[in-house]
Amino acid sequence: MVHTKLLQFPPRMAAFFCRKWPLSNGIIGSSWRRIIELQRVPFAPPIGKFFSSDRLASKDEEQELVIATIAAASSKKVAGNAELVKIILRDYGFTDARISKMAAVRPSILSCNPDKILLPKLEFFRSIGLSSTDLPRIIWASKGLLFRSLEKQLIPCYNFLKSVLLLDENVLKMLKRGPGILLHDVDKTIAPNLAALREAGAPQSIIFFMLIRSPRAIHQDTQKFKESLNKAVQMGFNPSKSTFACAVQVLCEMPESTWDHKMEVYGRCGMSRDEVLLAFRSHPLCMYLSEEKITRAMDFLVKEMGWKPAAVARCSAVIFFKLEKRIMPRCAVIKVLLERGLVKKDICLSTFLLPSEKSFLDLYVKRYEDDVPGLMGVFMGKRASQTRI
């Protein structure tokens, strides 16, 4: 005779299933019935393979039977737990594809205790305002969040960050950019790094900016963080400006070998070391651009259009723009205007590449259409040719 035993659920998990599948007409949802079936534990698997009916089992066969019984029960329990974990994750916005990816990277998630490990943390993140869209993305980006202590790590770290950022909305903005900050020690890294920022002269607005825009820099090793602060100050960055925060971010996060490589890339494009540092001071995030993007933009602006590398360095933000959709069409117009003497020869790149498209058209196309018939065609034609390519 085969006996079955139904596993009992802790109060928190029972409440979860009561919310998701209310008891109506004595029937629970089909998914819940599937979980119940999966959690029935067989205590007597088929025994024909161990001994025949005409003889008694040996001690070895009895021991093998016990081991097989335990293994079968354990396998059934694990399968039931995995299905239960999947149902809970789905309820918090995780797709089956996301769950499969998480299980592949961190298999222990399917065997963890849902009542003790998953539900308390998922409820915490939902309580602070994370939507069912943001929550799976944040957990995927920092999977350790589900396995750290809620009381000893996540809540104290969240409360500290909120005391700095003041509003839940600000903390949520920060978590969407760098959720891993919740995994780091407040006393050993986060608080000392914020104190170092204040000592360097950064106002509260810059601390806000840096926490929300680049939280990963804030939880860097304290010694490295202070060294990055000192470098930024020595390079001439003003601690009261957002470019200071961006410079510290790059210096903190970028390995020295990568920094040296980017210096070399800009150097091959014609910039001297001082001009590369000028470009960095103009827009620190230019060091994050790919080698291909840097090379293509510099080749066009310097070799084809004839601007000096120093001119690009003074306004390195222009390298961020799309070459075909913005830089080339606008430069085609400016080249015509330069040939006609309608604009100054020393026109700055920022004056025609930074404005919005409407402003550019008003200032450089419509304004000179009477003097240069077909100027709009030059602008649109360049775009059309790039689109065909």
Protein backbone atom coordinates (compact mmCIF):
# COMPACT_ATOMS: atom_id res chain seq x y z
CA MET A 1 0.00 0.00 0.00
CA VAL A 2 1.32 3.46 -0.92
CA HIS A 3 0.95 6.20 1.67
CA THR A 4 1.09 9.91 0.95
CA LYS A 5 1.72 12.85 3.21
CA LEU A 6 0.82 16.46 2.40
CA LEU A 7 3.49 19.00 3.31
CA GLN A 8 2.44 21.84 5.61
CA PHE A 9 3.07 25.51 4.64
CA PRO A 10 4.26 28.23 7.04
CA PRO A 11 1.84 31.13 7.77
CA ARG A 12 3.46 33.66 5.40
CA MET A 13 3.37 31.26 2.47
CA ALA A 14 -0.19 30.22 3.30
CA ALA A 15 -1.19 33.90 3.21
CA PHE A 16 0.50 34.28 -0.18
CA PHE A 17 -1.52 31.45 -1.71
CA CYS A 18 -4.75 32.61 -0.09
CA ARG A 19 -4.21 35.99 -1.80
CA LYS A 20 -3.37 34.47 -5.17
CA TRP A 21 -5.93 31.65 -5.21
CA PRO A 22 -8.94 32.45 -2.95
CA LEU A 23 -10.89 29.46 -1.72
CA SER A 24 -14.12 29.69 -3.71
CA ASN A 25 -16.64 26.82 -3.87
CA GLY A 26 -14.09 24.61 -2.17
CA ILE A 27 -11.76 24.69 -5.19
CA ILE A 28 -8.31 26.22 -5.43
CA GLY A 29 -6.66 27.29 -8.73
CA SER A 30 -5.31 24.64 -11.06
CA SER A 31 -1.71 25.76 -10.46
CA TRP A 32 -2.18 25.22 -6.74
CA ARG A 33 -3.61 21.73 -7.35
CA ARG A 34 -0.53 20.96 -9.43
CA ILE A 35 1.70 21.99 -6.52
CA ILE A 36 -0.28 19.79 -4.15
CA GLU A 37 0.20 16.86 -6.49
CA LEU A 38 3.92 17.54 -6.75
CA GLN A 39 4.29 17.59 -2.99
CA ARG A 40 2.77 14.18 -2.37
CA VAL A 41 5.66 12.09 -1.12
CA PRO A 42 5.65 8.39 -1.97
CA PHE A 43 6.91 6.20 0.79
CA ALA A 44 6.97 2.84 -1.05
CA PRO A 45 8.29 2.78 -4.62
CA PRO A 46 7.95 -0.34 -6.79
CA ILE A 47 9.80 -3.18 -5.10
CA GLY A 48 9.83 -5.85 -7.80
CA LYS A 49 13.35 -4.86 -8.82
CA PHE A 50 14.67 -5.57 -5.31
CA PHE A 51 13.32 -9.06 -4.59
CA SER A 52 10.85 -11.58 -5.99
CA SER A 53 7.73 -12.82 -4.19
CA ASP A 54 9.19 -16.25 -3.48
CA ARG A 55 12.02 -15.10 -1.22
CA LEU A 56 12.73 -12.59 1.55
CA ALA A 57 14.84 -9.52 0.93
CA SER A 58 18.44 -9.52 2.09
CA LYS A 59 19.77 -6.77 4.36
CA ASP A 60 21.57 -5.18 1.40
CA GLU A 61 18.36 -5.18 -0.62
CA GLU A 62 16.43 -3.67 2.28
CA GLN A 63 19.06 -0.94 2.63
CA GLU A 64 18.90 -0.25 -1.13
CA LEU A 65 15.12 -0.05 -0.89
CA VAL A 66 15.33 2.50 1.93
CA ILE A 67 17.84 4.62 -0.01
CA ALA A 68 15.67 4.49 -3.14
CA THR A 69 12.60 5.47 -1.12
CA ILE A 70 14.36 8.44 0.42
CA ALA A 71 15.75 9.53 -2.94
CA ALA A 72 12.32 9.33 -4.57
CA ALA A 73 10.75 11.34 -1.75
CA SER A 74 13.54 13.93 -1.89
CA SER A 75 13.29 14.25 -5.67
CA LYS A 76 9.54 14.80 -5.47
CA LYS A 77 9.96 17.39 -2.73
CA VAL A 78 12.62 19.29 -4.70
CA ALA A 79 10.42 19.31 -7.81
CA GLY A 80 7.53 20.65 -5.75
CA ASN A 81 9.68 23.36 -4.19
CA ALA A 82 11.00 24.45 -7.60
CA GLU A 83 7.45 24.77 -8.96
CA LEU A 84 6.44 26.73 -5.88
CA VAL A 85 9.37 29.14 -6.34
CA LYS A 86 8.40 29.68 -9.99
CA ILE A 87 4.79 30.50 -9.07
CA ILE A 88 5.90 33.04 -6.47
CA LEU A 89 8.36 34.70 -8.87
CA ARG A 90 5.69 34.92 -11.56
CA ASP A 91 3.40 36.68 -9.10
CA TYR A 92 6.06 39.38 -8.70
CA GLY A 93 6.46 39.97 -12.43
CA PHE A 94 9.13 37.46 -13.46
CA THR A 95 8.59 35.86 -16.86
CA ASP A 96 9.30 32.17 -17.43
CA ALA A 97 12.26 33.16 -19.62
CA ARG A 98 13.72 35.32 -16.85
CA ILE A 99 13.19 32.56 -14.26
CA SER A 100 14.95 30.03 -16.50
CA LYS A 101 17.93 32.38 -16.96
CA MET A 102 18.16 33.00 -13.23
CA ALA A 103 18.00 29.27 -12.48
CA ALA A 104 20.76 28.64 -15.01
CA VAL A 105 23.03 31.24 -13.42
CA ARG A 106 22.02 30.56 -9.82
CA PRO A 107 20.42 27.07 -9.53
CA SER A 108 20.04 27.37 -5.75
CA ILE A 109 17.12 29.74 -6.24
CA LEU A 110 14.83 26.81 -7.11
CA SER A 111 15.74 24.89 -3.97
CA CYS A 112 15.68 27.78 -1.50
CA ASN A 113 13.04 28.13 1.21
CA PRO A 114 10.41 30.40 -0.37
CA ASP A 115 8.92 31.45 2.96
CA LYS A 116 12.24 32.45 4.52
CA ILE A 117 14.31 33.52 1.50
CA LEU A 118 12.07 34.81 -1.29
CA LEU A 119 8.81 36.21 0.04
CA PRO A 120 10.20 38.58 2.72
CA LYS A 121 12.59 40.23 0.24
CA LEU A 122 10.15 40.39 -2.63
CA GLU A 123 7.57 41.96 -0.32
CA PHE A 124 10.17 44.47 0.91
CA PHE A 125 11.06 45.56 -2.61
CA ARG A 126 7.40 45.85 -3.52
CA SER A 127 6.72 47.87 -0.37
CA ILE A 128 9.29 50.53 -1.28
CA GLY A 129 7.61 51.09 -4.61
CA LEU A 130 9.31 48.83 -7.16
CA SER A 131 6.86 47.84 -9.87
CA SER A 132 6.41 44.34 -11.27
CA THR A 133 8.33 45.61 -14.31
CA ASP A 134 11.31 47.06 -12.43
CA LEU A 135 11.62 44.38 -9.74
CA PRO A 136 12.61 41.45 -12.03
CA ARG A 137 15.10 43.66 -13.89
CA ILE A 138 16.72 44.82 -10.65
CA ILE A 139 16.93 41.30 -9.20
CA TRP A 140 18.41 40.03 -12.47
CA ALA A 141 21.01 42.80 -12.42
CA SER A 142 22.00 41.97 -8.84
CA LYS A 143 20.94 38.41 -8.04
CA GLY A 144 22.57 38.47 -4.62
CA LEU A 145 19.75 40.70 -3.35
CA LEU A 146 17.57 37.62 -2.78
CA PHE A 147 20.21 35.89 -0.70
CA ARG A 148 21.40 38.63 1.66
CA SER A 149 19.92 39.21 5.11
CA LEU A 150 16.89 41.48 5.01
CA GLU A 151 17.25 42.66 8.61
CA LYS A 152 21.05 42.89 8.76
CA GLN A 153 21.88 44.19 5.27
CA LEU A 154 19.10 45.28 2.92
CA ILE A 155 16.88 47.30 5.29
CA PRO A 156 19.73 49.10 7.14
CA CYS A 157 21.42 50.00 3.84
CA TYR A 158 18.13 51.21 2.35
CA ASN A 159 17.36 53.33 5.42
CA PHE A 160 20.81 54.94 5.29
CA LEU A 161 20.50 55.76 1.60
CA LYS A 162 17.04 57.20 2.14
CA SER A 163 18.41 59.40 4.93
CA VAL A 164 20.77 60.90 2.33
CA LEU A 165 18.40 61.02 -0.65
CA LEU A 166 15.38 61.93 1.52
CA LEU A 167 12.65 60.47 -0.71
CA ASP A 168 11.71 56.91 -1.71
CA GLU A 169 11.48 58.09 -5.32
CA ASN A 170 15.13 59.15 -5.27
CA VAL A 171 16.21 55.80 -3.83
CA LEU A 172 14.22 54.00 -6.53
CA LYS A 173 15.94 56.04 -9.25
CA MET A 174 19.29 55.04 -7.77
CA LEU A 175 18.36 51.35 -7.52
CA LYS A 176 17.27 51.27 -11.16
CA ARG A 177 20.77 52.37 -12.18
CA GLY A 178 22.81 50.40 -9.67
CA PRO A 179 20.93 47.99 -7.36
CA GLY A 180 24.17 46.37 -6.24
CA ILE A 181 24.75 49.23 -3.81
CA LEU A 182 22.35 47.50 -1.39
CA LEU A 183 24.83 44.62 -1.09
CA HIS A 184 27.64 46.80 0.24
CA ASP A 185 28.58 47.72 3.79
CA VAL A 186 27.38 51.17 4.83
CA ASP A 187 30.05 51.66 7.49
CA LYS A 188 33.00 50.34 5.47
CA THR A 189 32.38 51.88 2.03
CA ILE A 190 29.23 53.93 1.41
CA ALA A 191 29.32 56.28 4.41
CA PRO A 192 33.13 56.90 4.24
CA ASN A 193 32.93 57.62 0.51
CA LEU A 194 30.12 60.12 0.96
CA ALA A 195 32.10 61.75 3.77
CA ALA A 196 35.13 61.98 1.44
CA LEU A 197 32.96 63.72 -1.16
CA ARG A 198 31.90 66.31 1.42
CA GLU A 199 35.50 66.84 2.52
CA ALA A 200 36.48 67.45 -1.11
CA GLY A 201 33.94 70.27 -1.23
CA ALA A 202 31.07 68.58 -3.05
CA PRO A 203 27.71 70.14 -2.11
CA GLN A 204 24.62 68.08 -1.32
CA SER A 205 23.35 68.53 -4.90
CA ILE A 206 26.45 66.79 -6.29
CA ILE A 207 26.14 63.97 -3.74
CA PHE A 208 22.52 63.54 -4.85
CA PHE A 209 23.62 63.57 -8.49
CA MET A 210 26.36 61.03 -7.96
CA LEU A 211 24.26 58.63 -5.88
CA ILE A 212 21.43 58.63 -8.38
CA ARG A 213 23.49 58.68 -11.60
CA SER A 214 26.51 56.54 -10.65
CA PRO A 215 25.82 54.50 -7.48
CA ARG A 216 28.48 51.95 -8.44
CA ALA A 217 31.18 54.53 -7.89
CA ILE A 218 29.92 55.19 -4.37
CA HIS A 219 30.47 51.60 -3.22
CA GLN A 220 34.01 51.35 -4.58
CA ASP A 221 36.88 50.56 -2.23
CA THR A 222 37.35 53.63 -0.02
CA GLN A 223 41.05 54.02 -0.80
CA LYS A 224 40.44 53.87 -4.56
CA PHE A 225 37.53 56.30 -4.20
CA LYS A 226 39.66 58.86 -2.35
CA GLU A 227 42.45 58.50 -4.92
CA SER A 228 39.92 59.17 -7.69
CA LEU A 229 38.66 62.27 -5.84
CA ASN A 230 42.20 63.60 -5.55
CA LYS A 231 42.93 62.94 -9.24
CA ALA A 232 39.76 64.77 -10.28
CA VAL A 233 40.70 67.79 -8.16
CA GLN A 234 44.27 67.78 -9.52
CA MET A 235 42.92 67.71 -13.09
CA GLY A 236 41.08 70.92 -12.40
CA PHE A 237 37.52 69.72 -11.89
CA ASN A 238 35.29 71.90 -9.71
CA PRO A 239 33.64 69.79 -6.95
CA SER A 240 30.49 71.90 -7.23
CA LYS A 241 29.93 70.90 -10.88
CA SER A 242 28.33 67.76 -12.29
CA THR A 243 31.42 67.15 -14.45
CA PHE A 244 33.34 66.54 -11.21
CA ALA A 245 30.94 63.71 -10.30
CA CYS A 246 31.26 62.24 -13.81
CA ALA A 247 35.05 62.43 -13.64
CA VAL A 248 35.13 60.63 -10.28
CA GLN A 249 32.81 57.98 -11.70
CA VAL A 250 35.13 57.30 -14.66
CA LEU A 251 38.28 57.32 -12.54
CA CYS A 252 36.69 54.94 -10.02
CA GLU A 253 35.17 52.46 -12.43
CA MET A 254 37.64 52.37 -15.32
CA PRO A 255 40.64 50.03 -15.00
CA GLU A 256 44.00 51.73 -15.55
CA SER A 257 44.70 49.54 -18.59
CA THR A 258 41.44 50.69 -20.22
CA TRP A 259 42.26 54.33 -19.44
CA ASP A 260 45.68 53.97 -21.07
CA HIS A 261 44.11 52.32 -24.13
CA LYS A 262 41.60 55.17 -24.59
CA MET A 263 44.41 57.70 -24.26
CA GLU A 264 46.19 55.82 -27.04
CA VAL A 265 43.06 55.75 -29.24
CA TYR A 266 42.57 59.51 -28.99
CA GLY A 267 46.30 59.93 -29.58
CA ARG A 268 46.11 57.98 -32.85
CA CYS A 269 43.33 60.35 -33.91
CA GLY A 270 45.70 63.30 -33.62
CA MET A 271 45.22 64.52 -30.05
CA SER A 272 48.17 65.23 -27.78
CA ARG A 273 48.06 64.01 -24.18
CA ASP A 274 47.06 67.47 -23.00
CA GLU A 275 44.28 67.59 -25.61
CA VAL A 276 42.95 64.21 -24.46
CA LEU A 277 42.84 65.52 -20.89
CA LEU A 278 41.10 68.64 -22.23
CA ALA A 279 38.49 66.41 -23.88
CA PHE A 280 38.09 64.54 -20.57
CA ARG A 281 37.57 67.79 -18.68
CA SER A 282 35.03 68.90 -21.28
CA HIS A 283 32.99 65.69 -21.04
CA PRO A 284 34.45 62.99 -18.75
CA LEU A 285 32.24 60.23 -20.13
CA CYS A 286 34.02 60.52 -23.48
CA MET A 287 36.43 57.92 -22.10
CA TYR A 288 33.58 55.38 -22.14
CA LEU A 289 33.07 55.67 -25.90
CA SER A 290 34.12 52.71 -28.02
CA GLU A 291 37.29 52.79 -30.08
CA GLU A 292 35.25 52.55 -33.29
CA LYS A 293 32.99 55.48 -32.40
CA ILE A 294 35.93 57.68 -31.42
CA THR A 295 37.88 56.83 -34.55
CA ARG A 296 35.01 57.35 -37.02
CA ALA A 297 33.97 60.70 -35.54
CA MET A 298 37.53 62.01 -35.33
CA ASP A 299 38.41 60.82 -38.85
CA PHE A 300 35.43 62.68 -40.28
CA LEU A 301 35.77 65.90 -38.27
CA VAL A 302 39.56 66.18 -38.54
CA LYS A 303 40.49 64.53 -41.84
CA GLU A 304 37.44 65.28 -43.97
CA MET A 305 36.16 68.53 -42.47
CA GLY A 306 39.53 69.94 -41.48
CA TRP A 307 38.91 70.85 -37.83
CA LYS A 308 41.89 70.71 -35.51
CA PRO A 309 41.93 67.91 -32.89
CA ALA A 310 42.08 70.62 -30.22
CA ALA A 311 38.76 72.02 -31.52
CA VAL A 312 37.13 68.64 -30.98
CA ALA A 313 38.77 68.31 -27.57
CA ARG A 314 37.27 71.61 -26.44
CA CYS A 315 33.80 70.22 -27.15
CA SER A 316 34.16 66.46 -26.83
CA ALA A 317 30.39 66.09 -26.38
CA VAL A 318 30.08 66.19 -30.19
CA ILE A 319 31.72 62.76 -30.45
CA PHE A 320 28.67 61.25 -28.73
CA PHE A 321 26.34 62.22 -31.59
CA LYS A 322 25.43 59.83 -34.39
CA LEU A 323 27.76 60.43 -37.30
CA GLU A 324 25.32 59.73 -40.15
CA LYS A 325 22.18 61.26 -38.66
CA ARG A 326 23.57 64.39 -37.03
CA ILE A 327 27.22 65.20 -37.61
CA MET A 328 27.50 64.62 -41.37
CA PRO A 329 24.28 66.41 -42.50
CA ARG A 330 25.03 69.46 -40.38
CA CYS A 331 28.66 69.59 -41.44
CA ALA A 332 27.54 69.44 -45.10
CA VAL A 333 25.48 72.61 -44.56
CA ILE A 334 28.24 74.41 -42.65
CA LYS A 335 30.78 73.51 -45.36
CA VAL A 336 28.60 75.24 -47.99
CA LEU A 337 28.14 78.29 -45.76
CA LEU A 338 31.90 78.47 -45.13
CA GLU A 339 32.62 78.35 -48.87
CA ARG A 340 30.19 81.25 -49.42
CA GLY A 341 31.66 83.21 -46.53
CA LEU A 342 28.32 83.29 -44.71
CA VAL A 343 29.70 82.00 -41.42
CA LYS A 344 32.99 82.67 -39.65
CA LYS A 345 35.94 80.44 -40.51
CA ASP A 346 36.62 79.79 -36.83
CA ILE A 347 33.06 78.67 -36.09
CA CYS A 348 32.98 76.41 -33.04
CA LEU A 349 31.70 72.86 -33.41
CA SER A 350 29.41 73.30 -30.41
CA THR A 351 27.52 76.18 -32.04
CA PHE A 352 26.02 73.99 -34.76
CA LEU A 353 26.28 70.42 -33.44
CA LEU A 354 24.85 70.91 -29.94
CA PRO A 355 21.56 72.77 -30.75
CA SER A 356 18.35 70.86 -31.39
CA GLU A 357 17.44 70.09 -34.98
CA LYS A 358 14.80 72.83 -35.05
CA SER A 359 17.29 75.40 -33.80
CA PHE A 360 19.90 74.27 -36.32
CA LEU A 361 17.45 74.53 -39.21
CA ASP A 362 16.35 78.00 -38.10
CA LEU A 363 19.91 79.27 -37.58
CA TYR A 364 21.76 77.74 -40.51
CA VAL A 365 19.32 76.51 -43.15
CA LYS A 366 16.18 78.65 -43.31
CA ARG A 367 18.16 81.77 -42.48
CA TYR A 368 20.38 81.38 -45.57
CA GLU A 369 17.98 79.74 -48.03
CA ASP A 370 17.65 82.97 -50.04
CA ASP A 371 21.43 83.27 -50.29
CA VAL A 372 21.97 79.58 -51.01
CA PRO A 373 19.03 78.04 -52.90
CA GLY A 374 18.77 74.33 -52.24
CA LEU A 375 20.45 74.46 -48.83
CA MET A 376 17.67 72.34 -47.36
CA GLY A 377 18.37 69.84 -50.10
CA VAL A 378 22.01 69.70 -49.00
CA PHE A 379 20.88 68.91 -45.48
CA MET A 380 18.22 66.39 -46.49
CA GLY A 381 20.28 64.97 -49.32
CA LYS A 382 23.10 64.04 -47.01
CA ARG A 383 20.61 62.33 -44.75
CA ALA A 384 18.96 60.51 -47.64
CA SER A 385 22.29 59.25 -48.97
CA GLN A 386 23.24 57.94 -45.54
CA THR A 387 19.87 56.24 -45.22
CA ARG A 388 20.37 54.44 -48.54
CA ILE A 389 23.78 53.27 -47.38
